[in-house]
């Protein structure tokens, strides 16, 4: 499965990230298929640049963005905002039992 995710670069305490397309089985900073852009969290406001046409291409091929990348892409207007998946009744019951103990 293909993922659109952030790959960390930069020195210690001064990170910047590349937005890349990778196979989901590859390490975070490992081999990637294509570099789509970059994210720099240090300046105020943070800088997020991507190639809109290439992101649309990979999304059409079935690549799934991580939750963080999904948030950034929705701010750019490329995809719909992130929505939590509904939990099952079993998960709710398990959570309630853990909280009551």
Protein backbone atom coordinates (compact mmCIF):
# COMPACT_ATOMS: atom_id res chain seq x y z
CA UNK A 1 0.00 0.00 0.00
CA UNK A 2 1.29 3.46 -0.88
CA UNK A 3 1.46 6.18 1.77
CA UNK A 4 1.97 9.91 1.51
CA UNK A 5 3.98 10.75 4.62
CA UNK A 6 6.59 13.04 6.14
CA UNK A 7 10.26 11.98 6.04
CA UNK A 8 12.42 13.78 8.63
CA UNK A 9 15.62 15.55 7.62
CA UNK A 10 17.77 18.29 9.12
CA UNK A 11 20.10 18.40 12.06
CA UNK A 12 19.31 17.71 15.71
CA UNK A 13 16.83 20.24 17.07
CA UNK A 14 16.28 21.81 13.64
CA UNK A 15 14.03 19.44 11.69
CA UNK A 16 12.44 19.88 8.33
CA UNK A 17 10.36 17.30 6.53
CA UNK A 18 9.90 16.12 2.97
CA UNK A 19 6.44 15.05 1.84
CA UNK A 20 7.06 11.77 0.03
CA UNK A 21 5.24 8.81 -1.48
CA UNK A 22 6.49 5.53 0.00
CA UNK A 23 5.48 1.93 0.28
CA UNK A 24 3.98 1.51 3.75
CA UNK A 25 6.49 -1.23 4.62
CA UNK A 26 9.54 1.05 4.18
CA UNK A 27 11.16 2.92 7.09
CA UNK A 28 10.11 6.53 7.70
CA UNK A 29 13.33 7.99 6.27
CA UNK A 30 13.99 5.13 3.85
CA UNK A 31 13.61 4.75 0.11
CA UNK A 32 10.79 6.77 -1.43
CA UNK A 33 9.05 6.75 -4.80
CA UNK A 34 8.62 10.50 -5.30
CA UNK A 35 9.28 13.70 -3.38
CA UNK A 36 6.08 15.79 -3.44
CA UNK A 37 7.16 18.81 -1.40
CA UNK A 38 8.39 19.99 1.97
CA UNK A 39 7.27 21.10 5.41
CA UNK A 40 9.35 23.38 7.64
CA UNK A 41 7.90 23.71 11.17
CA UNK A 42 10.54 26.17 12.48
CA UNK A 43 9.46 29.54 10.99
CA UNK A 44 6.35 31.30 12.24
CA UNK A 45 4.00 30.46 10.50
CA UNK A 46 5.30 27.02 9.38
CA UNK A 47 5.91 26.56 5.65
CA UNK A 48 4.14 23.76 3.74
CA UNK A 49 4.74 23.48 -0.02
CA UNK A 50 3.62 20.62 -2.26
CA UNK A 51 3.18 19.95 -5.95
CA UNK A 52 -0.62 20.00 -6.20
CA UNK A 53 -0.81 18.12 -9.49
CA UNK A 54 1.46 15.30 -8.27
CA UNK A 55 -0.46 14.95 -4.99
CA UNK A 56 -3.70 14.66 -6.97
CA UNK A 57 -2.03 12.05 -9.22
CA UNK A 58 -0.93 9.86 -6.29
CA UNK A 59 -4.27 10.20 -4.51
CA UNK A 60 -5.98 9.00 -7.71
CA UNK A 61 -3.60 5.99 -7.74
CA UNK A 62 -4.82 5.03 -4.26
CA UNK A 63 -2.06 6.46 -2.04
CA UNK A 64 -3.29 7.11 1.51
CA UNK A 65 -1.99 10.19 3.38
CA UNK A 66 -1.05 9.88 7.04
CA UNK A 67 -3.21 11.79 9.52
CA UNK A 68 -0.74 14.69 9.73
CA UNK A 69 -0.32 14.99 5.96
CA UNK A 70 -4.11 14.73 5.56
CA UNK A 71 -4.53 17.79 7.83
CA UNK A 72 -1.99 19.79 5.79
CA UNK A 73 -3.54 18.77 2.47
CA UNK A 74 -7.03 19.69 3.67
CA UNK A 75 -5.76 23.18 4.64
CA UNK A 76 -4.41 23.49 1.08
CA UNK A 77 -7.85 22.50 -0.24
CA UNK A 78 -6.66 19.32 -1.96
CA UNK A 79 -8.82 16.86 0.01
CA UNK A 80 -11.76 16.86 2.39
CA UNK A 81 -11.09 17.56 6.10
CA UNK A 82 -10.09 14.67 8.38
CA UNK A 83 -13.00 12.83 9.97
CA UNK A 84 -12.64 10.31 12.75
CA UNK A 85 -13.95 6.87 11.92
CA UNK A 86 -16.86 5.79 14.12
CA UNK A 87 -15.88 3.40 16.88
CA UNK A 88 -17.65 0.11 17.39
CA UNK A 89 -19.93 -0.60 20.36
CA UNK A 90 -17.41 -3.16 21.54
CA UNK A 91 -14.62 -0.55 21.61
CA UNK A 92 -16.87 1.88 23.51
CA UNK A 93 -17.74 -0.81 26.08
CA UNK A 94 -14.08 -1.71 26.51
CA UNK A 95 -13.14 1.96 27.02
CA UNK A 96 -15.97 2.46 29.54
CA UNK A 97 -14.87 -0.64 31.49
CA UNK A 98 -11.28 0.61 31.63
CA UNK A 99 -12.39 4.04 32.89
CA UNK A 100 -14.59 2.60 35.63
CA UNK A 101 -11.76 0.54 37.16
